């Protein structure tokens, strides 16, 4: 399977995991953003950041640094998207982004281990 195909699978998995988490946290915990807006914000945030994690950062960093640094940068950028689009406070946006990304990384690792 080609790298681009793996990326597409990762993107779909990321969206399937992160969008409902962002929606639930925004709708029920923070009561911010229309429910559709939080889904769209999650889709936009992941669609903007995942290509950089897969295609840009690996060119500049070794795997250990790229995965750790990359995820930290992704959490920060996605938090800014949530802050701007959903009106969350920055600490709340960081929390939403961290939880969503931690879940998608965990699910991705589980899928990766199961597919070996």
Protein backbone atom coordinates (compact mmCIF):
# COMPACT_ATOMS: atom_id res chain seq x y z
CA UNK A 1 0.00 0.00 0.00
CA UNK A 2 1.40 3.39 -0.97
CA UNK A 3 2.18 6.21 1.44
CA UNK A 4 -0.56 8.39 -0.03
CA UNK A 5 -3.12 5.64 0.48
CA UNK A 6 -1.99 5.23 4.08
CA UNK A 7 -2.32 9.00 4.52
CA UNK A 8 -5.88 8.98 3.19
CA UNK A 9 -6.78 6.20 5.63
CA UNK A 10 -5.16 8.14 8.47
CA UNK A 11 -7.06 11.28 7.51
CA UNK A 12 -10.39 9.46 7.45
CA UNK A 13 -9.63 7.78 10.77
CA UNK A 14 -8.54 11.10 12.28
CA UNK A 15 -11.74 12.79 11.15
CA UNK A 16 -13.88 9.89 12.40
CA UNK A 17 -12.27 10.07 15.84
CA UNK A 18 -11.62 13.78 16.34
CA UNK A 19 -14.78 15.37 14.92
CA UNK A 20 -17.21 13.64 17.32
CA UNK A 21 -14.92 14.42 20.28
CA UNK A 22 -14.68 18.10 19.36
CA UNK A 23 -18.43 18.20 18.78
CA UNK A 24 -19.22 16.55 22.14
CA UNK A 25 -16.81 18.70 24.16
CA UNK A 26 -18.01 21.91 22.51
CA UNK A 27 -21.69 21.05 22.72
CA UNK A 28 -21.89 19.54 26.18
CA UNK A 29 -18.92 20.79 28.20
CA UNK A 30 -18.30 24.30 26.86
CA UNK A 31 -21.66 24.97 25.22
CA UNK A 32 -19.82 26.85 22.48
CA UNK A 33 -20.37 26.93 18.78
CA UNK A 34 -23.31 25.51 16.95
CA UNK A 35 -22.99 21.75 16.73
CA UNK A 36 -22.47 21.90 12.98
CA UNK A 37 -19.83 24.57 13.45
CA UNK A 38 -17.82 22.41 15.81
CA UNK A 39 -17.91 19.49 13.36
CA UNK A 40 -16.79 21.75 10.53
CA UNK A 41 -14.06 23.30 12.70
CA UNK A 42 -12.74 19.82 13.56
CA UNK A 43 -12.77 18.73 9.92
CA UNK A 44 -11.04 21.92 8.85
CA UNK A 45 -8.42 21.77 11.61
CA UNK A 46 -7.47 18.16 10.92
CA UNK A 47 -7.55 18.59 7.16
CA UNK A 48 -5.19 21.55 7.43
CA UNK A 49 -2.71 20.02 9.85
CA UNK A 50 -2.44 16.31 9.04
CA UNK A 51 -0.75 16.81 5.64
CA UNK A 52 2.02 18.76 7.36
CA UNK A 53 2.48 15.98 9.91
CA UNK A 54 2.71 13.34 7.18
CA UNK A 55 4.47 15.12 4.32
CA UNK A 56 6.36 18.18 5.56
CA UNK A 57 7.71 17.54 9.06
CA UNK A 58 9.28 14.14 8.28
CA UNK A 59 11.58 15.88 5.81
CA UNK A 60 13.09 18.00 8.59
CA UNK A 61 13.04 15.83 11.71
CA UNK A 62 13.79 12.23 12.65
CA UNK A 63 10.81 10.07 13.61
CA UNK A 64 11.10 10.53 17.39
CA UNK A 65 11.25 14.31 17.09
CA UNK A 66 8.77 14.57 14.28
CA UNK A 67 6.10 12.53 16.05
CA UNK A 68 6.50 14.32 19.39
CA UNK A 69 7.14 17.82 18.10
CA UNK A 70 4.65 17.36 15.29
CA UNK A 71 1.80 16.39 17.58
CA UNK A 72 2.56 19.31 19.91
CA UNK A 73 2.49 21.74 16.99
CA UNK A 74 -0.70 20.15 15.66
CA UNK A 75 -2.41 20.52 19.06
CA UNK A 76 -1.43 24.20 19.20
CA UNK A 77 -2.53 25.01 15.64
CA UNK A 78 -5.82 23.17 15.97
CA UNK A 79 -6.44 24.96 19.29
CA UNK A 80 -6.05 28.27 17.48
CA UNK A 81 -8.60 27.12 14.90
CA UNK A 82 -11.05 26.20 17.68
CA UNK A 83 -10.44 29.46 19.49
CA UNK A 84 -11.07 31.53 16.38
CA UNK A 85 -13.95 29.58 14.87
CA UNK A 86 -15.76 28.47 18.01
CA UNK A 87 -14.96 31.28 20.44
CA UNK A 88 -13.34 29.02 23.01
CA UNK A 89 -10.89 30.42 25.55
CA UNK A 90 -7.35 29.40 24.64
CA UNK A 91 -7.02 26.98 27.59
CA UNK A 92 -10.32 25.34 26.63
CA UNK A 93 -9.31 25.18 22.97
CA UNK A 94 -6.00 23.57 23.95
CA UNK A 95 -7.84 21.01 26.06
CA UNK A 96 -10.27 20.15 23.25
CA UNK A 97 -7.42 19.86 20.77
CA UNK A 98 -5.30 17.74 23.13
CA UNK A 99 -8.11 15.31 23.94
CA UNK A 100 -9.12 14.92 20.30
CA UNK A 101 -5.54 14.41 19.13
CA UNK A 102 -4.66 12.03 21.97
CA UNK A 103 -7.67 9.93 21.04
CA UNK A 104 -6.85 9.84 17.33
CA UNK A 105 -3.18 9.02 17.96
CA UNK A 106 -4.22 6.23 20.34
CA UNK A 107 -6.74 4.77 17.90
CA UNK A 108 -4.19 5.08 15.08
CA UNK A 109 -1.58 3.19 17.09
CA UNK A 110 -4.08 0.46 17.92
CA UNK A 111 -5.05 0.12 14.24
CA UNK A 112 -1.38 0.07 13.29
CA UNK A 113 -0.59 -2.72 15.74
CA UNK A 114 -3.63 -4.76 14.72
CA UNK A 115 -2.79 -4.50 11.02
CA UNK A 116 0.69 -6.02 11.42
